[in-house]
Amino acid sequence: MTEPMIHTNGLTRHFVVKNETVTAVAGLDLHVEPGELVALLGPNGAGKSTTLRMLTTLLAPTSGTARVAGYDVVTHQRGVRSRIGYIGQGNGAGHSQHGRDELVGQGRAYGMTKATAKARADELIESLDLAAVADRMVSSLSGGQRRRLDIAMGLIHSPALLFLDEPSTGLDPQNRANLQDHIRRLRAEHGTTIVLTTHYLDEADQLAERVIVIDHGKLIADDTPARLKAEHARDRITLTFDTAGQAAEIVRHPALGIVAGADIRQAGTTVVIDLDGAARLAQKLLRALDDALIELARVEVTQPTLDDVFLNLTGRSLRDETQGASK
C-alpha cells in the first residue's frame, strides 16, 4: 500500500465520569508507515489503551479521524478488522481448547476455508516453535507458549498490521528474549507493521525504530530511541565514597571544574554527574581526583536509557509506575 498504515488527525476521546467530562485522548496526530515497528509508551492513564481501542475499532472517537490499513475506523470497521491483528494483554485462546484447533477456528472466523486455515495454522506452528505443544490443551501450556499461541492467532489471516499490547508481561527473561526474536522475524520475513505497547523500556529500545510517548492524552515525543536519548537525557558518572561527608566535600572540590556545566548532585555517599560525553571526560576527572589525593570507593559511567528520557519528559519513571501498579 502507498498510503500510511496508520494516520490520525486530531484523534480525541472523551468519557463522562460522574457527570464530568474526562479527556482520555486529546487531538492525537499519528503517522506510521508500512513496515515500521513502533513502540507506544506512556504512564498509567496516559491514553495508550484508549488510543489502541480506537485504532482497532473497539471504541469510536469523540472527534478527529483515523485511517488504519487503508480504512476509516468509523465508516469501514470491517475493512480495518480484516487487515489487522490484535494481541491483548490476556490470553486469547480458550483454556479447555487445543492450540491447533483454536488457530483453525480463528482462521475460519476470518472467512478462510478449512484447508487454507489448516495450512496457515501449520505454517505458524512451525515458525513460532509450537510444534511440540500445538495439540495440547491451552491450559497445559507455559506462559511463553501461550503468548506465542496468541501471536499465532493474531497472525492467522496474515494481517498487514499487528498490534501487540504488553506482549512480554508476565514472561520470564528467557521467554521475553524468545518473543522478541519472533517479533523481529515477523517484520524481517513478512514486512508486518507492528505497534507495541510495553512497560519494559529496554524492550522498546531494542525492538522499535520509533518510540512515541503519550502523556495526558497528548503526543509529547516521537523519534528514534537514539535521538530521544540524545535530546532528552545525558550520560552519567556516579562517584561513590566511603562516607556522605566525603561526597559532600567533593561536590565543592575544584577538581570538578573538568565537568563544568554538568548537573552535579549528592545522594548520600554518591555524587551523580549528568553531562554530555561522560565517557570521554571520566578519565580526566579520575586523574584530577587522583592528583588531589581523593580516594573513591567506586566509579560508574553509564549512558542514558529510555527510562531517563521518560522521566525527563513526564516527571515519572515508567519502571516505578509499573512496580507500583503491580502492588
C-alpha atoms as a PDB file:
ATOM      1  CA  MET A   1       0.000   0.000   0.000  1.00  0.00           C
ATOM      2  CA  THR A   2       1.181   3.537  -0.756  1.00  0.00           C
ATOM      3  CA  GLU A   3      -0.666   5.402   1.990  1.00  0.00           C
ATOM      4  CA  PRO A   4       0.387   5.309   5.659  1.00  0.00           C
ATOM      5  CA  MET A   5      -0.538   2.230   7.653  1.00  0.00           C
ATOM      6  CA  ILE A   6      -1.853   4.473  10.434  1.00  0.00           C
ATOM      7  CA  HIS A   7      -2.812   8.118  10.045  1.00  0.00           C
ATOM      8  CA  THR A   8      -4.774  10.072  12.614  1.00  0.00           C
ATOM      9  CA  ASN A   9      -5.751  13.712  12.651  1.00  0.00           C
ATOM     10  CA  GLY A  10      -6.917  15.308  15.891  1.00  0.00           C
ATOM     11  CA  LEU A  11      -7.999  11.956  17.301  1.00  0.00           C
ATOM     12  CA  THR A  12      -9.910  12.652  20.518  1.00  0.00           C
ATOM     13  CA  ARG A  13     -11.888  10.642  23.024  1.00  0.00           C
ATOM     14  CA  HIS A  14     -13.921  11.966  25.940  1.00  0.00           C
ATOM     15  CA  PHE A  15     -15.575   9.972  28.711  1.00  0.00           C
ATOM     16  CA  VAL A  16     -18.225  11.159  31.138  1.00  0.00           C
ATOM     17  CA  VAL A  17     -17.365  10.155  34.690  1.00  0.00           C
ATOM     18  CA  LYS A  18     -19.725  11.225  37.496  1.00  0.00           C
ATOM     19  CA  ASN A  19     -21.230  13.934  35.282  1.00  0.00           C
ATOM     20  CA  GLU A  20     -17.797  15.316  34.442  1.00  0.00           C
ATOM     21  CA  THR A  21     -16.134  15.103  31.036  1.00  0.00           C
ATOM     22  CA  VAL A  22     -12.717  13.463  31.134  1.00  0.00           C
ATOM     23  CA  THR A  23     -10.388  13.709  28.119  1.00  0.00           C
ATOM     24  CA  ALA A  24      -8.534  10.427  27.645  1.00  0.00           C
ATOM     25  CA  VAL A  25      -7.011  11.295  24.259  1.00  0.00           C
ATOM     26  CA  ALA A  26      -6.631  14.905  23.139  1.00  0.00           C
ATOM     27  CA  GLY A  27      -6.084  15.750  19.481  1.00  0.00           C
ATOM     28  CA  LEU A  28      -3.631  12.953  18.694  1.00  0.00           C
ATOM     29  CA  ASP A  29      -1.804  13.061  15.358  1.00  0.00           C
ATOM     30  CA  LEU A  30      -0.074   9.787  14.470  1.00  0.00           C
ATOM     31  CA  HIS A  31       1.647   8.653  11.298  1.00  0.00           C
ATOM     32  CA  VAL A  32       3.025   5.127  10.859  1.00  0.00           C
ATOM     33  CA  GLU A  33       4.412   3.911   7.538  1.00  0.00           C
ATOM     34  CA  PRO A  34       4.067   0.317   6.259  1.00  0.00           C
ATOM     35  CA  GLY A  35       6.737  -1.955   7.674  1.00  0.00           C
ATOM     36  CA  GLU A  36       7.603   0.191  10.685  1.00  0.00           C
ATOM     37  CA  LEU A  37       7.993  -1.195  14.202  1.00  0.00           C
ATOM     38  CA  VAL A  38       6.766   1.457  16.630  1.00  0.00           C
ATOM     39  CA  ALA A  39       6.621   1.427  20.429  1.00  0.00           C
ATOM     40  CA  LEU A  40       3.812   3.391  22.081  1.00  0.00           C
ATOM     41  CA  LEU A  41       4.769   4.397  25.624  1.00  0.00           C
ATOM     42  CA  GLY A  42       3.061   6.333  28.374  1.00  0.00           C
ATOM     43  CA  PRO A  43       2.361   6.363  32.118  1.00  0.00           C
ATOM     44  CA  ASN A  44      -0.692   4.598  33.509  1.00  0.00           C
ATOM     45  CA  GLY A  45      -3.756   6.550  32.430  1.00  0.00           C
ATOM     46  CA  ALA A  46      -1.892   8.406  29.675  1.00  0.00           C
ATOM     47  CA  GLY A  47      -4.305   7.316  26.946  1.00  0.00           C
ATOM     48  CA  LYS A  48      -2.397   4.406  25.372  1.00  0.00           C
ATOM     49  CA  SER A  49      -5.121   1.810  25.797  1.00  0.00           C
ATOM     50  CA  THR A  50      -7.835   4.207  24.649  1.00  0.00           C
ATOM     51  CA  THR A  51      -5.759   5.018  21.564  1.00  0.00           C
ATOM     52  CA  LEU A  52      -5.325   1.319  20.743  1.00  0.00           C
ATOM     53  CA  ARG A  53      -9.031   0.680  21.230  1.00  0.00           C
ATOM     54  CA  MET A  54      -9.879   3.446  18.751  1.00  0.00           C
ATOM     55  CA  LEU A  55      -7.312   2.276  16.203  1.00  0.00           C
ATOM     56  CA  THR A  56      -8.663  -1.280  16.393  1.00  0.00           C
ATOM     57  CA  THR A  57     -12.320  -0.129  16.065  1.00  0.00           C
ATOM     58  CA  LEU A  58     -13.224  -1.248  19.589  1.00  0.00           C
ATOM     59  CA  LEU A  59     -14.037   2.330  20.607  1.00  0.00           C
ATOM     60  CA  ALA A  60     -15.370   5.168  18.484  1.00  0.00           C
ATOM     61  CA  PRO A  61     -13.550   8.528  18.603  1.00  0.00           C
ATOM     62  CA  THR A  62     -15.374  11.521  20.032  1.00  0.00           C
ATOM     63  CA  SER A  63     -13.840  13.650  17.293  1.00  0.00           C
ATOM     64  CA  GLY A  64     -10.992  13.615  14.815  1.00  0.00           C
ATOM     65  CA  THR A  65     -10.249  10.971  12.209  1.00  0.00           C
ATOM     66  CA  ALA A  66      -8.188   7.817  11.917  1.00  0.00           C
ATOM     67  CA  ARG A  67      -7.350   5.641   8.930  1.00  0.00           C
ATOM     68  CA  VAL A  68      -5.847   2.239   9.659  1.00  0.00           C
ATOM     69  CA  ALA A  69      -4.581  -0.131   6.955  1.00  0.00           C
ATOM     70  CA  GLY A  70      -6.326   1.987   4.343  1.00  0.00           C
ATOM     71  CA  TYR A  71      -9.746   2.201   6.008  1.00  0.00           C
ATOM     72  CA  ASP A  72     -11.561   4.706   8.191  1.00  0.00           C
ATOM     73  CA  VAL A  73     -12.015   3.301  11.711  1.00  0.00           C
ATOM     74  CA  VAL A  74     -15.600   4.607  11.942  1.00  0.00           C
ATOM     75  CA  THR A  75     -17.097   4.121   8.484  1.00  0.00           C
ATOM     76  CA  HIS A  76     -15.204   0.975   7.437  1.00  0.00           C
ATOM     77  CA  GLN A  77     -14.697  -1.037  10.600  1.00  0.00           C
ATOM     78  CA  ARG A  78     -14.887  -4.385   8.811  1.00  0.00           C
ATOM     79  CA  GLY A  79     -12.135  -3.339   6.423  1.00  0.00           C
ATOM     80  CA  VAL A  80      -9.882  -2.341   9.320  1.00  0.00           C
ATOM     81  CA  ARG A  81     -10.510  -5.569  11.202  1.00  0.00           C
ATOM     82  CA  SER A  82      -9.797  -7.714   8.157  1.00  0.00           C
ATOM     83  CA  ARG A  83      -6.307  -6.231   7.827  1.00  0.00           C
ATOM     84  CA  ILE A  84      -5.136  -6.018  11.430  1.00  0.00           C
ATOM     85  CA  GLY A  85      -4.141  -8.453  14.136  1.00  0.00           C
ATOM     86  CA  TYR A  86      -4.568  -7.589  17.813  1.00  0.00           C
ATOM     87  CA  ILE A  87      -2.920  -9.396  20.702  1.00  0.00           C
ATOM     88  CA  GLY A  88      -4.166  -8.062  24.014  1.00  0.00           C
ATOM     89  CA  GLN A  89      -2.747  -8.478  27.495  1.00  0.00           C
ATOM     90  CA  GLY A  90      -4.868 -11.514  28.353  1.00  0.00           C
ATOM     91  CA  ASN A  91      -4.677 -14.940  26.740  1.00  0.00           C
ATOM     92  CA  GLY A  92      -6.880 -15.128  23.662  1.00  0.00           C
ATOM     93  CA  ALA A  93      -7.237 -18.909  23.415  1.00  0.00           C
ATOM     94  CA  GLY A  94      -9.786 -20.912  25.388  1.00  0.00           C
ATOM     95  CA  HIS A  95      -8.049 -22.843  28.172  1.00  0.00           C
ATOM     96  CA  SER A  96     -10.034 -26.032  27.504  1.00  0.00           C
ATOM     97  CA  GLN A  97      -9.285 -25.976  23.772  1.00  0.00           C
ATOM     98  CA  HIS A  98      -6.360 -27.398  21.840  1.00  0.00           C
ATOM     99  CA  GLY A  99      -3.931 -24.908  20.339  1.00  0.00           C
ATOM    100  CA  ARG A 100      -4.166 -26.121  16.757  1.00  0.00           C
ATOM    101  CA  ASP A 101      -7.972 -26.178  16.883  1.00  0.00           C
ATOM    102  CA  GLU A 102      -8.020 -22.596  18.178  1.00  0.00           C
ATOM    103  CA  LEU A 103      -5.842 -21.463  15.289  1.00  0.00           C
ATOM    104  CA  VAL A 104      -8.001 -23.167  12.690  1.00  0.00           C
ATOM    105  CA  GLY A 105     -11.160 -21.787  14.296  1.00  0.00           C
ATOM    106  CA  GLN A 106      -9.702 -18.281  14.258  1.00  0.00           C
ATOM    107  CA  GLY A 107      -8.892 -18.639  10.569  1.00  0.00           C
ATOM    108  CA  ARG A 108     -12.409 -19.842   9.801  1.00  0.00           C
ATOM    109  CA  ALA A 109     -13.798 -16.814  11.659  1.00  0.00           C
ATOM    110  CA  TYR A 110     -11.897 -14.625   9.176  1.00  0.00           C
ATOM    111  CA  GLY A 111     -13.571 -16.413   6.265  1.00  0.00           C
ATOM    112  CA  MET A 112     -10.732 -18.781   5.347  1.00  0.00           C
ATOM    113  CA  THR A 113     -11.583 -22.218   4.005  1.00  0.00           C
ATOM    114  CA  LYS A 114     -10.896 -25.137   6.318  1.00  0.00           C
ATOM    115  CA  ALA A 115      -7.995 -26.334   4.177  1.00  0.00           C
ATOM    116  CA  THR A 116      -6.450 -22.869   3.991  1.00  0.00           C
ATOM    117  CA  ALA A 117      -6.869 -22.337   7.746  1.00  0.00           C
ATOM    118  CA  LYS A 118      -5.211 -25.684   8.484  1.00  0.00           C
ATOM    119  CA  ALA A 119      -2.307 -24.933   6.168  1.00  0.00           C
ATOM    120  CA  ARG A 120      -1.803 -21.484   7.681  1.00  0.00           C
ATOM    121  CA  ALA A 121      -2.010 -22.918  11.211  1.00  0.00           C
ATOM    122  CA  ASP A 122       0.672 -25.486  10.353  1.00  0.00           C
ATOM    123  CA  GLU A 123       2.882 -22.717   8.982  1.00  0.00           C
ATOM    124  CA  LEU A 124       2.553 -20.591  12.115  1.00  0.00           C
ATOM    125  CA  ILE A 125       3.018 -23.551  14.450  1.00  0.00           C
ATOM    126  CA  GLU A 126       6.307 -24.288  12.738  1.00  0.00           C
ATOM    127  CA  SER A 127       7.563 -20.696  12.579  1.00  0.00           C
ATOM    128  CA  LEU A 128       6.675 -19.953  16.221  1.00  0.00           C
ATOM    129  CA  ASP A 129       8.184 -23.192  17.617  1.00  0.00           C
ATOM    130  CA  LEU A 130       4.848 -24.592  18.749  1.00  0.00           C
ATOM    131  CA  ALA A 131       5.004 -27.989  17.013  1.00  0.00           C
ATOM    132  CA  ALA A 132       5.654 -29.929  20.228  1.00  0.00           C
ATOM    133  CA  VAL A 133       2.685 -28.412  22.072  1.00  0.00           C
ATOM    134  CA  ALA A 134       0.144 -27.469  19.380  1.00  0.00           C
ATOM    135  CA  ASP A 135      -2.108 -30.453  20.075  1.00  0.00           C
ATOM    136  CA  ARG A 136      -2.141 -29.988  23.841  1.00  0.00           C
ATOM    137  CA  MET A 137      -4.812 -28.184  25.813  1.00  0.00           C
ATOM    138  CA  VAL A 138      -4.103 -24.486  26.170  1.00  0.00           C
ATOM    139  CA  SER A 139      -4.315 -24.726  29.965  1.00  0.00           C
ATOM    140  CA  SER A 140      -1.269 -27.027  29.975  1.00  0.00           C
ATOM    141  CA  LEU A 141       0.993 -24.580  28.108  1.00  0.00           C
ATOM    142  CA  SER A 142       3.629 -22.400  29.742  1.00  0.00           C
ATOM    143  CA  GLY A 143       3.329 -18.613  29.746  1.00  0.00           C
ATOM    144  CA  GLY A 144       5.747 -18.264  26.845  1.00  0.00           C
ATOM    145  CA  GLN A 145       3.962 -20.942  24.822  1.00  0.00           C
ATOM    146  CA  ARG A 146       0.577 -19.288  25.384  1.00  0.00           C
ATOM    147  CA  ARG A 147       1.982 -15.930  24.338  1.00  0.00           C
ATOM    148  CA  ARG A 148       3.338 -17.416  21.112  1.00  0.00           C
ATOM    149  CA  LEU A 149      -0.039 -19.059  20.517  1.00  0.00           C
ATOM    150  CA  ASP A 150      -1.682 -15.650  20.993  1.00  0.00           C
ATOM    151  CA  ILE A 151       0.645 -14.204  18.351  1.00  0.00           C
ATOM    152  CA  ALA A 152      -0.175 -17.085  16.001  1.00  0.00           C
ATOM    153  CA  MET A 153      -3.897 -16.367  16.451  1.00  0.00           C
ATOM    154  CA  GLY A 154      -3.296 -12.704  15.648  1.00  0.00           C
ATOM    155  CA  LEU A 155      -1.363 -13.652  12.503  1.00  0.00           C
ATOM    156  CA  ILE A 156      -3.604 -16.427  11.180  1.00  0.00           C
ATOM    157  CA  HIS A 157      -5.111 -14.169   8.498  1.00  0.00           C
ATOM    158  CA  SER A 158      -1.736 -12.630   7.531  1.00  0.00           C
ATOM    159  CA  PRO A 159      -2.553  -9.093   8.705  1.00  0.00           C
ATOM    160  CA  ALA A 160      -0.681  -6.141   7.300  1.00  0.00           C
ATOM    161  CA  LEU A 161      -0.657  -4.532  10.753  1.00  0.00           C
ATOM    162  CA  LEU A 162      -0.165  -6.158  14.145  1.00  0.00           C
ATOM    163  CA  PHE A 163      -0.966  -4.511  17.492  1.00  0.00           C
ATOM    164  CA  LEU A 164       0.847  -6.018  20.487  1.00  0.00           C
ATOM    165  CA  ASP A 165      -0.399  -4.785  23.864  1.00  0.00           C
ATOM    166  CA  GLU A 166       2.188  -5.535  26.589  1.00  0.00           C
ATOM    167  CA  PRO A 167       3.361  -8.733  24.828  1.00  0.00           C
ATOM    168  CA  SER A 168       6.054  -9.611  27.410  1.00  0.00           C
ATOM    169  CA  THR A 169       4.073  -9.020  30.604  1.00  0.00           C
ATOM    170  CA  GLY A 170       4.403 -11.985  32.940  1.00  0.00           C
ATOM    171  CA  LEU A 171       7.120 -13.746  30.948  1.00  0.00           C
ATOM    172  CA  ASP A 172      10.470 -14.806  32.386  1.00  0.00           C
ATOM    173  CA  PRO A 173      13.638 -13.287  30.840  1.00  0.00           C
ATOM    174  CA  GLN A 174      14.270 -16.246  28.532  1.00  0.00           C
ATOM    175  CA  ASN A 175      10.733 -16.235  27.145  1.00  0.00           C
ATOM    176  CA  ARG A 176      10.897 -12.448  26.783  1.00  0.00           C
ATOM    177  CA  ALA A 177      14.046 -12.791  24.684  1.00  0.00           C
ATOM    178  CA  ASN A 178      12.481 -15.561  22.580  1.00  0.00           C
ATOM    179  CA  LEU A 179       9.361 -13.486  21.983  1.00  0.00           C
ATOM    180  CA  GLN A 180      11.440 -10.502  20.921  1.00  0.00           C
ATOM    181  CA  ASP A 181      13.221 -12.700  18.374  1.00  0.00           C
ATOM    182  CA  HIS A 182       9.852 -13.782  16.963  1.00  0.00           C
ATOM    183  CA  ILE A 183       8.713 -10.158  16.681  1.00  0.00           C
ATOM    184  CA  ARG A 184      11.886  -9.228  14.782  1.00  0.00           C
ATOM    185  CA  ARG A 185      11.386 -12.191  12.462  1.00  0.00           C
ATOM    186  CA  LEU A 186       7.787 -11.180  11.689  1.00  0.00           C
ATOM    187  CA  ARG A 187       8.972  -7.839  10.436  1.00  0.00           C
ATOM    188  CA  ALA A 188      12.048  -9.129   8.624  1.00  0.00           C
ATOM    189  CA  GLU A 189      10.363 -12.036   6.843  1.00  0.00           C
ATOM    190  CA  HIS A 190       6.851 -10.719   6.255  1.00  0.00           C
ATOM    191  CA  GLY A 191       7.181  -6.925   6.348  1.00  0.00           C
ATOM    192  CA  THR A 192       4.486  -6.753   9.031  1.00  0.00           C
ATOM    193  CA  THR A 193       3.874  -3.304  10.502  1.00  0.00           C
ATOM    194  CA  ILE A 194       3.995  -3.641  14.288  1.00  0.00           C
ATOM    195  CA  VAL A 195       2.764  -1.287  17.003  1.00  0.00           C
ATOM    196  CA  LEU A 196       3.537  -2.420  20.533  1.00  0.00           C
ATOM    197  CA  THR A 197       2.960  -1.058  23.993  1.00  0.00           C
ATOM    198  CA  THR A 198       5.332  -2.135  26.734  1.00  0.00           C
ATOM    199  CA  HIS A 199       6.422  -1.251  30.247  1.00  0.00           C
ATOM    200  CA  TYR A 200       9.857  -2.742  29.516  1.00  0.00           C
ATOM    201  CA  LEU A 201      11.775   0.240  28.196  1.00  0.00           C
ATOM    202  CA  ASP A 202      14.778  -1.890  27.281  1.00  0.00           C
ATOM    203  CA  GLU A 203      12.407  -3.865  25.056  1.00  0.00           C
ATOM    204  CA  ALA A 204      11.247  -0.700  23.285  1.00  0.00           C
ATOM    205  CA  ASP A 205      14.878   0.398  22.898  1.00  0.00           C
ATOM    206  CA  GLN A 206      15.941  -2.914  21.359  1.00  0.00           C
ATOM    207  CA  LEU A 207      12.930  -3.528  19.122  1.00  0.00           C
ATOM    208  CA  ALA A 208      11.456  -0.247  17.956  1.00  0.00           C
ATOM    209  CA  GLU A 209      12.827   2.064  15.309  1.00  0.00           C
ATOM    210  CA  ARG A 210      10.463   4.746  16.601  1.00  0.00           C
ATOM    211  CA  VAL A 211       9.237   5.498  20.089  1.00  0.00           C
ATOM    212  CA  ILE A 212       6.066   7.532  20.596  1.00  0.00           C
ATOM    213  CA  VAL A 213       5.434   8.879  24.103  1.00  0.00           C
ATOM    214  CA  ILE A 214       1.913   9.867  25.155  1.00  0.00           C
ATOM    215  CA  ASP A 215       1.056  11.674  28.384  1.00  0.00           C
ATOM    216  CA  HIS A 216      -2.280  13.153  29.480  1.00  0.00           C
ATOM    217  CA  GLY A 217      -3.717  12.036  26.139  1.00  0.00           C
ATOM    218  CA  LYS A 218      -1.237  14.065  24.080  1.00  0.00           C
ATOM    219  CA  LEU A 219       1.763  13.117  21.995  1.00  0.00           C
ATOM    220  CA  ILE A 220       4.840  14.585  23.688  1.00  0.00           C
ATOM    221  CA  ALA A 221       7.673  12.827  21.820  1.00  0.00           C
ATOM    222  CA  ASP A 222       8.126  10.878  18.589  1.00  0.00           C
ATOM    223  CA  ASP A 223      11.583   9.875  17.373  1.00  0.00           C
ATOM    224  CA  THR A 224      14.152   7.093  17.242  1.00  0.00           C
ATOM    225  CA  PRO A 225      15.376   5.789  20.609  1.00  0.00           C
ATOM    226  CA  ALA A 226      18.871   7.126  19.892  1.00  0.00           C
ATOM    227  CA  ARG A 227      17.681  10.655  19.106  1.00  0.00           C
ATOM    228  CA  LEU A 228      15.333  10.736  22.090  1.00  0.00           C
ATOM    229  CA  LYS A 229      18.184   9.778  24.403  1.00  0.00           C
ATOM    230  CA  ALA A 230      20.477  12.348  22.820  1.00  0.00           C
ATOM    231  CA  GLU A 231      17.878  15.122  23.153  1.00  0.00           C
ATOM    232  CA  HIS A 232      16.232  14.376  26.490  1.00  0.00           C
ATOM    233  CA  ALA A 233      18.893  12.659  28.626  1.00  0.00           C
ATOM    234  CA  ARG A 234      22.600  12.837  29.357  1.00  0.00           C
ATOM    235  CA  ASP A 235      25.430  10.443  30.151  1.00  0.00           C
ATOM    236  CA  ARG A 236      26.128   9.874  33.844  1.00  0.00           C
ATOM    237  CA  ILE A 237      29.198   9.478  36.059  1.00  0.00           C
ATOM    238  CA  THR A 238      28.477   8.114  39.531  1.00  0.00           C
ATOM    239  CA  LEU A 239      31.193   8.515  42.139  1.00  0.00           C
ATOM    240  CA  THR A 240      30.817   6.532  45.373  1.00  0.00           C
ATOM    241  CA  PHE A 241      32.707   7.375  48.566  1.00  0.00           C
ATOM    242  CA  ASP A 242      33.034   5.726  51.953  1.00  0.00           C
ATOM    243  CA  THR A 243      31.088   8.438  53.765  1.00  0.00           C
ATOM    244  CA  ALA A 244      28.464  11.057  52.970  1.00  0.00           C
ATOM    245  CA  GLY A 245      30.832  13.703  54.330  1.00  0.00           C
ATOM    246  CA  GLN A 246      33.436  12.861  51.710  1.00  0.00           C
ATOM    247  CA  ALA A 247      30.782  13.043  48.991  1.00  0.00           C
ATOM    248  CA  ALA A 248      29.641  16.473  50.242  1.00  0.00           C
ATOM    249  CA  GLU A 249      33.203  17.799  50.073  1.00  0.00           C
ATOM    250  CA  ILE A 250      33.704  16.580  46.509  1.00  0.00           C
ATOM    251  CA  VAL A 251      30.658  18.466  45.242  1.00  0.00           C
ATOM    252  CA  ARG A 252      32.524  21.700  46.030  1.00  0.00           C
ATOM    253  CA  HIS A 253      36.015  20.498  45.022  1.00  0.00           C
ATOM    254  CA  PRO A 254      37.914  22.396  42.264  1.00  0.00           C
ATOM    255  CA  ALA A 255      38.663  19.091  40.521  1.00  0.00           C
ATOM    256  CA  LEU A 256      35.047  19.034  39.325  1.00  0.00           C
ATOM    257  CA  GLY A 257      35.821  22.043  37.153  1.00  0.00           C
ATOM    258  CA  ILE A 258      36.642  19.490  34.464  1.00  0.00           C
ATOM    259  CA  VAL A 259      32.907  18.754  34.198  1.00  0.00           C
ATOM    260  CA  ALA A 260      31.785  22.391  34.215  1.00  0.00           C
ATOM    261  CA  GLY A 261      28.217  22.732  33.015  1.00  0.00           C
ATOM    262  CA  ALA A 262      27.231  19.305  34.275  1.00  0.00           C
ATOM    263  CA  ASP A 263      24.288  18.625  36.565  1.00  0.00           C
ATOM    264  CA  ILE A 264      26.011  17.603  39.833  1.00  0.00           C
ATOM    265  CA  ARG A 265      24.182  16.389  42.924  1.00  0.00           C
ATOM    266  CA  GLN A 266      24.922  14.420  46.056  1.00  0.00           C
ATOM    267  CA  ALA A 267      22.857  11.440  47.175  1.00  0.00           C
ATOM    268  CA  GLY A 268      24.219  10.037  50.404  1.00  0.00           C
ATOM    269  CA  THR A 269      27.660   8.583  49.761  1.00  0.00           C
ATOM    270  CA  THR A 270      27.422   9.124  45.990  1.00  0.00           C
ATOM    271  CA  VAL A 271      27.943  12.090  43.718  1.00  0.00           C
ATOM    272  CA  VAL A 272      25.960  11.901  40.485  1.00  0.00           C
ATOM    273  CA  ILE A 273      27.208  13.893  37.493  1.00  0.00           C
ATOM    274  CA  ASP A 274      24.996  14.152  34.400  1.00  0.00           C
ATOM    275  CA  LEU A 275      26.646  15.570  31.303  1.00  0.00           C
ATOM    276  CA  ASP A 276      27.181  15.002  27.606  1.00  0.00           C
ATOM    277  CA  GLY A 277      30.252  12.972  26.712  1.00  0.00           C
ATOM    278  CA  ALA A 278      30.709  11.463  30.184  1.00  0.00           C
ATOM    279  CA  ALA A 279      32.773   8.552  28.908  1.00  0.00           C
ATOM    280  CA  ARG A 280      35.206  10.962  27.252  1.00  0.00           C
ATOM    281  CA  LEU A 281      35.631  13.126  30.372  1.00  0.00           C
ATOM    282  CA  ALA A 282      35.569  10.399  33.020  1.00  0.00           C
ATOM    283  CA  GLN A 283      39.243   9.551  32.622  1.00  0.00           C
ATOM    284  CA  LYS A 284      40.287  13.201  33.009  1.00  0.00           C
ATOM    285  CA  LEU A 285      38.072  13.565  36.063  1.00  0.00           C
ATOM    286  CA  LEU A 286      39.506  10.476  37.722  1.00  0.00           C
ATOM    287  CA  ARG A 287      43.035  11.701  37.029  1.00  0.00           C
ATOM    288  CA  ALA A 288      42.230  15.067  38.607  1.00  0.00           C
ATOM    289  CA  LEU A 289      40.731  13.391  41.678  1.00  0.00           C
ATOM    290  CA  ASP A 290      43.767  11.138  41.977  1.00  0.00           C
ATOM    291  CA  ASP A 291      46.113  14.140  41.741  1.00  0.00           C
ATOM    292  CA  ALA A 292      44.133  15.715  44.581  1.00  0.00           C
ATOM    293  CA  LEU A 293      44.639  12.516  46.652  1.00  0.00           C
ATOM    294  CA  ILE A 294      40.907  11.841  46.739  1.00  0.00           C
ATOM    295  CA  GLU A 295      40.061   8.163  47.113  1.00  0.00           C
ATOM    296  CA  LEU A 296      36.984   6.631  45.529  1.00  0.00           C
ATOM    297  CA  ALA A 297      35.147   3.522  46.653  1.00  0.00           C
ATOM    298  CA  ARG A 298      33.618   3.071  43.201  1.00  0.00           C
ATOM    299  CA  VAL A 299      33.070   4.823  39.894  1.00  0.00           C
ATOM    300  CA  GLU A 300      30.467   4.021  37.235  1.00  0.00           C
ATOM    301  CA  VAL A 301      29.899   5.564  33.803  1.00  0.00           C
ATOM    302  CA  THR A 302      26.509   4.900  32.193  1.00  0.00           C
ATOM    303  CA  GLN A 303      24.758   6.013  29.029  1.00  0.00           C
ATOM    304  CA  PRO A 304      21.174   7.308  29.133  1.00  0.00           C
ATOM    305  CA  THR A 305      18.270   4.907  28.861  1.00  0.00           C
ATOM    306  CA  LEU A 306      14.723   5.367  27.671  1.00  0.00           C
ATOM    307  CA  ASP A 307      13.670   5.390  31.319  1.00  0.00           C
ATOM    308  CA  ASP A 308      15.802   8.536  31.762  1.00  0.00           C
ATOM    309  CA  VAL A 309      14.058  10.021  28.723  1.00  0.00           C
ATOM    310  CA  PHE A 310      10.662   9.047  30.099  1.00  0.00           C
ATOM    311  CA  LEU A 311      11.454  10.574  33.481  1.00  0.00           C
ATOM    312  CA  ASN A 312      12.589  13.840  31.916  1.00  0.00           C
ATOM    313  CA  LEU A 313       9.551  14.055  29.632  1.00  0.00           C
ATOM    314  CA  THR A 314       6.825  13.078  32.091  1.00  0.00           C
ATOM    315  CA  GLY A 315       8.367  13.631  35.512  1.00  0.00           C
ATOM    316  CA  ARG A 316       7.699   9.984  36.285  1.00  0.00           C
ATOM    317  CA  SER A 317       9.647   6.756  35.947  1.00  0.00           C
ATOM    318  CA  LEU A 318       7.778   4.124  33.991  1.00  0.00           C
ATOM    319  CA  ARG A 319       9.663   1.458  35.945  1.00  0.00           C
ATOM    320  CA  ASP A 320       8.411   2.847  39.271  1.00  0.00           C
ATOM    321  CA  GLU A 321       4.865   3.192  37.946  1.00  0.00           C
ATOM    322  CA  THR A 322       4.878  -0.416  36.800  1.00  0.00           C
ATOM    323  CA  GLN A 323       6.085  -1.664  40.170  1.00  0.00           C
ATOM    324  CA  GLY A 324       3.510   0.464  41.975  1.00  0.00           C
ATOM    325  CA  ALA A 325       0.690  -0.768  39.756  1.00  0.00           C
ATOM    326  CA  SER A 326       1.613  -4.384  40.496  1.00  0.00           C
ATOM    327  CA  LYS A 327       1.399  -3.961  44.259  1.00  0.00           C
END
